[in-house]
C-alpha cells in the first residue's frame, strides 16, 4: 500500500509540473519571435535600410553631328575693304575708287554648305551669294598727267560663288571651316559730276577663298566671324571698260541646320 501511494503521489506531481514547463517555453519563444524596438538609451542604434528607389535616367545632350547630304544654312553681313577698285573710262583717264569712298562697301548675303562625306573632317560643296552697294560714293578720275577729278558713283554688285569646303568641329561648341572656288559677278555702275557722267553694267568672274570660325549656342545656332578674299574683273560695256576689284571681306556669320 505504501508503494502504491508513493507512485500515485509521483504521478500527481509530474502532471502538475508539465503544464508549468510548457508555459515557460511558450513565453521564451514568444519573447524571441517578437523584435524589440530600439532603445534610445543605448549609445549605438542598428541602422535601418532606406526604402528602395529606382535609378533616375539622365538624358545626355548629343554632340553636333553633320550627316552626309545635310545642308548647313549660313547668313552673313559685314564690310568689304577694297585694296583695288578701278574702272577704265574709255579714254586716257581711269576711275580710282579705292582712294575715295569705294574702298569700303557694305555687304550682305547667305547660302549653304552641303556635306558630302568625312568623319573627323567634313567636306562637301558650298554655294553662296552676296550684295554690295554704294550710293553717292566719291571716286577720282585720274588723267594721263596725274590730275584727279572727283565724281560721284552709284554702285550695285551681285555675286554668286561656290566651291569645295572643309570643316572640323573643335569639341562640341566650336567649328572651323575653309573654302575656295570660282566667283561670278554682275555689276551696275553709274558715275556723275564734272562733265564725266557715264554708266554701264555687265558680267564678270574671278575667284575667292574664305575661312571662318563659329561658336554653337544653346539653340544649336552658330554665331561666328569669317573673312573672304576675292579678285574679279567685270566688263561694264559701253564707253566704260573693265571694273577690276580685289579686296578682303570681314563678316559676322549666323548658321543653322544641324
Protein backbone atom coordinates (compact mmCIF):
# COMPACT_ATOMS: atom_id res chain seq x y z
CA UNK A 1 0.00 0.00 0.00
CA UNK A 2 2.86 2.36 0.76
CA UNK A 3 4.39 1.80 -2.69
CA UNK A 4 1.09 2.49 -4.47
CA UNK A 5 0.56 5.65 -2.51
CA UNK A 6 4.10 6.81 -3.29
CA UNK A 7 3.66 6.11 -7.03
CA UNK A 8 0.33 7.95 -7.12
CA UNK A 9 1.90 10.95 -5.47
CA UNK A 10 4.71 10.97 -8.05
CA UNK A 11 2.23 10.90 -10.93
CA UNK A 12 0.24 13.77 -9.43
CA UNK A 13 3.36 15.92 -9.03
CA UNK A 14 4.54 15.16 -12.61
CA UNK A 15 1.16 16.11 -14.09
CA UNK A 16 1.25 19.42 -12.23
CA UNK A 17 4.82 20.23 -13.29
CA UNK A 18 4.33 19.53 -17.07
CA UNK A 19 1.92 22.43 -17.83
CA UNK A 20 4.16 24.84 -15.94
CA UNK A 21 7.17 23.80 -18.01
CA UNK A 22 5.16 24.23 -21.24
CA UNK A 23 4.01 27.72 -20.26
CA UNK A 24 7.61 28.69 -19.54
CA UNK A 25 8.71 27.50 -23.04
CA UNK A 26 5.90 29.37 -24.78
CA UNK A 27 6.89 32.61 -23.03
CA UNK A 28 10.53 32.29 -24.04
CA UNK A 29 9.61 31.51 -27.68
CA UNK A 30 7.21 34.44 -27.77
CA UNK A 31 9.91 36.81 -26.47
CA UNK A 32 12.38 35.60 -29.12
CA UNK A 33 9.91 35.85 -32.05
CA UNK A 34 8.83 39.45 -31.36
CA UNK A 35 11.60 42.01 -32.25
CA UNK A 36 12.35 44.56 -29.58
CA UNK A 37 12.18 48.20 -30.51
CA UNK A 38 15.48 50.12 -30.46
CA UNK A 39 16.31 51.50 -27.07
CA UNK A 40 17.15 55.21 -27.22
CA UNK A 41 19.24 54.89 -24.13
CA UNK A 42 21.76 52.69 -25.94
CA UNK A 43 24.80 54.51 -27.38
CA UNK A 44 24.56 52.74 -30.75
CA UNK A 45 21.45 52.01 -32.80
CA UNK A 46 21.36 49.47 -35.59
CA UNK A 47 20.76 51.46 -38.87
CA UNK A 48 17.68 50.61 -40.85
CA UNK A 49 17.79 50.20 -44.67
CA UNK A 50 16.26 53.13 -46.64
CA UNK A 51 13.39 52.39 -48.97
CA UNK A 52 14.39 51.27 -52.47
CA UNK A 53 14.40 53.96 -55.15
CA UNK A 54 14.65 53.26 -58.87
CA UNK A 55 17.64 54.97 -60.60
CA UNK A 56 16.79 58.15 -62.49
CA UNK A 57 17.87 58.14 -66.12
CA UNK A 58 19.78 61.29 -67.11
CA UNK A 59 19.40 62.29 -70.75
CA UNK A 60 22.70 63.42 -72.27
CA UNK A 61 22.65 66.01 -74.98
CA UNK A 62 24.28 64.58 -78.10
CA UNK A 63 27.17 66.40 -79.69
CA UNK A 64 26.94 68.16 -83.02
CA UNK A 65 26.52 65.63 -85.82
CA UNK A 66 26.59 66.51 -89.52
CA UNK A 67 25.28 63.76 -91.79
CA UNK A 68 26.16 63.41 -95.48
CA UNK A 69 23.61 65.21 -97.65
CA UNK A 70 22.62 67.58 -94.83
CA UNK A 71 22.85 71.32 -95.54
CA UNK A 72 24.09 73.94 -93.10
CA UNK A 73 22.48 77.29 -93.93
CA UNK A 74 24.55 80.43 -93.36
CA UNK A 75 23.76 84.14 -93.47
CA UNK A 76 26.23 86.98 -93.08
CA UNK A 77 26.74 90.73 -93.14
CA UNK A 78 29.85 92.86 -92.98
CA UNK A 79 32.08 95.15 -94.99
CA UNK A 80 34.43 94.81 -97.97
CA UNK A 81 37.81 96.52 -97.76
CA UNK A 82 38.93 97.02 -101.37
CA UNK A 83 42.65 97.16 -101.94
CA UNK A 84 41.91 97.75 -105.62
CA UNK A 85 38.87 99.32 -107.31
CA UNK A 86 39.44 100.78 -110.77
CA UNK A 87 37.39 101.37 -113.93
CA UNK A 88 38.61 102.17 -117.43
CA UNK A 89 36.62 105.18 -118.60
CA UNK A 90 37.22 104.63 -122.31
CA UNK A 91 39.70 107.50 -122.55
CA UNK A 92 43.09 108.36 -121.20
CA UNK A 93 41.69 108.57 -117.68
CA UNK A 94 40.96 105.90 -115.15
CA UNK A 95 38.49 105.86 -112.24
CA UNK A 96 40.27 105.15 -108.98
CA UNK A 97 37.72 104.16 -106.34
CA UNK A 98 39.92 102.74 -103.62
CA UNK A 99 41.29 106.26 -102.94
CA UNK A 100 37.75 107.53 -102.34
CA UNK A 101 34.68 106.12 -100.62
CA UNK A 102 34.59 102.93 -102.69
CA UNK A 103 37.36 101.36 -100.64
CA UNK A 104 34.68 100.25 -98.14
CA UNK A 105 31.41 98.66 -99.26
CA UNK A 106 28.72 97.13 -97.03
CA UNK A 107 27.82 93.56 -97.94
CA UNK A 108 25.07 91.12 -97.02
CA UNK A 109 24.37 87.60 -98.22
CA UNK A 110 23.98 83.94 -97.44
CA UNK A 111 23.99 80.41 -98.76
CA UNK A 112 24.57 76.84 -97.70
CA UNK A 113 27.21 74.17 -97.24
CA UNK A 114 26.27 70.62 -98.21
CA UNK A 115 28.26 67.84 -96.60
CA UNK A 116 29.27 65.02 -98.92
CA UNK A 117 31.40 62.91 -96.60
CA UNK A 118 34.01 62.75 -93.89
CA UNK A 119 34.05 61.85 -90.20
CA UNK A 120 36.66 63.78 -88.24
CA UNK A 121 36.93 66.35 -91.06
CA UNK A 122 33.75 67.11 -93.02
CA UNK A 123 33.96 68.05 -96.68
CA UNK A 124 31.50 68.99 -99.38
CA UNK A 125 30.35 71.83 -101.63
CA UNK A 126 29.05 75.30 -100.83
CA UNK A 127 27.05 77.86 -102.78
CA UNK A 128 26.86 81.50 -101.64
CA UNK A 129 25.55 84.83 -102.90
CA UNK A 130 26.07 88.42 -101.75
CA UNK A 131 25.06 92.03 -102.43
CA UNK A 132 27.37 95.02 -102.09
CA UNK A 133 26.33 98.61 -102.79
CA UNK A 134 27.21 102.24 -102.50
CA UNK A 135 25.31 105.49 -103.12
CA UNK A 136 26.91 108.86 -103.94
CA UNK A 137 30.35 107.49 -103.14
CA UNK A 138 33.31 109.66 -104.09
CA UNK A 139 35.82 108.37 -106.63
CA UNK A 140 38.51 110.12 -108.66
CA UNK A 141 39.10 110.13 -112.39
CA UNK A 142 42.85 110.27 -112.84
CA UNK A 143 44.05 111.67 -116.18
CA UNK A 144 47.18 110.97 -118.10
CA UNK A 145 49.02 113.86 -116.48
CA UNK A 146 48.15 112.70 -112.96
CA UNK A 147 45.36 115.24 -112.39
CA UNK A 148 42.39 113.84 -110.43
CA UNK A 149 38.78 114.94 -110.80
CA UNK A 150 36.14 113.84 -108.27
CA UNK A 151 32.96 112.08 -109.41
CA UNK A 152 30.01 110.57 -107.56
CA UNK A 153 29.38 106.85 -108.07
CA UNK A 154 26.30 104.70 -107.50
CA UNK A 155 27.24 101.03 -107.43
CA UNK A 156 25.44 97.71 -107.10
CA UNK A 157 27.29 94.38 -107.16
CA UNK A 158 25.71 90.94 -107.09
CA UNK A 159 27.99 87.92 -106.66
CA UNK A 160 27.45 84.18 -106.78
CA UNK A 161 30.33 81.96 -105.74
CA UNK A 162 30.96 78.45 -104.55
CA UNK A 163 33.29 75.51 -104.44
CA UNK A 164 34.68 72.77 -102.22
CA UNK A 165 34.93 73.31 -98.48
CA UNK A 166 36.34 71.51 -95.45
CA UNK A 167 35.04 71.81 -91.88
CA UNK A 168 36.11 70.47 -88.50
CA UNK A 169 34.46 70.51 -85.06
CA UNK A 170 36.78 71.55 -82.26
CA UNK A 171 34.89 69.93 -79.37
CA UNK A 172 31.10 70.23 -79.10
CA UNK A 173 30.89 74.01 -79.41
CA UNK A 174 33.39 75.26 -81.98
CA UNK A 175 33.55 74.81 -85.75
CA UNK A 176 36.22 75.99 -88.18
CA UNK A 177 35.91 75.87 -91.97
CA UNK A 178 37.56 76.97 -95.18
CA UNK A 179 36.52 77.09 -98.85
CA UNK A 180 37.82 78.12 -102.26
CA UNK A 181 36.34 78.37 -105.74
CA UNK A 182 35.20 80.48 -108.70
CA UNK A 183 33.20 83.72 -108.41
CA UNK A 184 30.65 85.17 -110.84
CA UNK A 185 29.66 88.81 -110.70
CA UNK A 186 27.11 91.24 -112.12
CA UNK A 187 27.79 94.97 -111.63
CA UNK A 188 25.79 98.12 -112.29
CA UNK A 189 27.94 101.26 -112.30
CA UNK A 190 26.83 104.92 -112.65
CA UNK A 191 29.07 107.97 -112.26
CA UNK A 192 28.15 111.69 -112.38
CA UNK A 193 29.86 115.05 -111.87
CA UNK A 194 32.29 117.45 -113.57
CA UNK A 195 31.08 116.59 -117.07
CA UNK A 196 32.23 112.96 -116.66
CA UNK A 197 28.84 111.28 -116.45
CA UNK A 198 28.87 107.69 -117.60
CA UNK A 199 27.31 104.39 -116.72
CA UNK A 200 27.45 100.74 -117.59
CA UNK A 201 26.69 97.23 -116.40
CA UNK A 202 27.96 93.79 -117.16
CA UNK A 203 29.12 90.39 -116.01
CA UNK A 204 32.47 89.29 -114.75
CA UNK A 205 34.23 86.47 -113.00
CA UNK A 206 37.07 85.76 -110.63
CA UNK A 207 37.88 83.54 -107.68
CA UNK A 208 37.66 83.62 -103.90
CA UNK A 209 38.95 81.98 -100.74
CA UNK A 210 37.29 82.22 -97.36
CA UNK A 211 37.57 80.88 -93.84
CA UNK A 212 35.79 81.32 -90.55
CA UNK A 213 35.13 80.06 -87.05
CA UNK A 214 31.74 79.65 -85.36
CA UNK A 215 30.52 79.02 -81.81
CA UNK A 216 27.40 76.91 -81.12
CA UNK A 217 24.72 78.49 -78.92
CA UNK A 218 22.23 76.55 -76.77
CA UNK A 219 19.65 76.76 -79.58
CA UNK A 220 22.10 74.96 -81.93
CA UNK A 221 22.55 78.20 -83.85
CA UNK A 222 26.16 79.03 -84.78
CA UNK A 223 27.42 82.57 -84.36
CA UNK A 224 30.82 83.39 -85.76
CA UNK A 225 33.30 85.52 -87.66
CA UNK A 226 34.65 84.99 -91.16
CA UNK A 227 36.85 86.58 -93.82
CA UNK A 228 36.79 86.29 -97.61
CA UNK A 229 39.39 87.38 -100.13
CA UNK A 230 38.39 87.80 -103.78
CA UNK A 231 39.77 89.04 -107.10
CA UNK A 232 37.43 89.71 -110.04
CA UNK A 233 37.05 91.56 -113.35
CA UNK A 234 33.73 92.68 -114.90
CA UNK A 235 33.12 94.18 -118.35
CA UNK A 236 30.84 97.22 -117.87
CA UNK A 237 30.27 97.71 -121.59
CA UNK A 238 29.54 100.91 -123.48
CA UNK A 239 32.15 103.63 -123.21
CA UNK A 240 33.40 102.14 -119.97
CA UNK A 241 35.95 99.39 -119.81
CA UNK A 242 36.61 96.76 -117.19
CA UNK A 243 35.94 97.05 -113.48
CA UNK A 244 38.77 95.43 -111.55
CA UNK A 245 38.22 94.62 -107.88
CA UNK A 246 40.39 93.00 -105.25
CA UNK A 247 39.60 93.04 -101.56
CA UNK A 248 39.00 91.39 -98.24
CA UNK A 249 35.63 91.00 -96.53
CA UNK A 250 35.15 90.87 -92.76
CA UNK A 251 31.87 89.16 -91.89
CA UNK A 252 29.61 88.26 -88.98
CA UNK A 253 28.02 84.86 -89.72
CA UNK A 254 24.94 83.09 -88.41
CA UNK A 255 24.48 79.40 -89.34
CA UNK A 256 21.79 76.85 -88.61
CA UNK A 257 20.79 73.39 -89.77
CA UNK A 258 22.41 70.72 -87.51
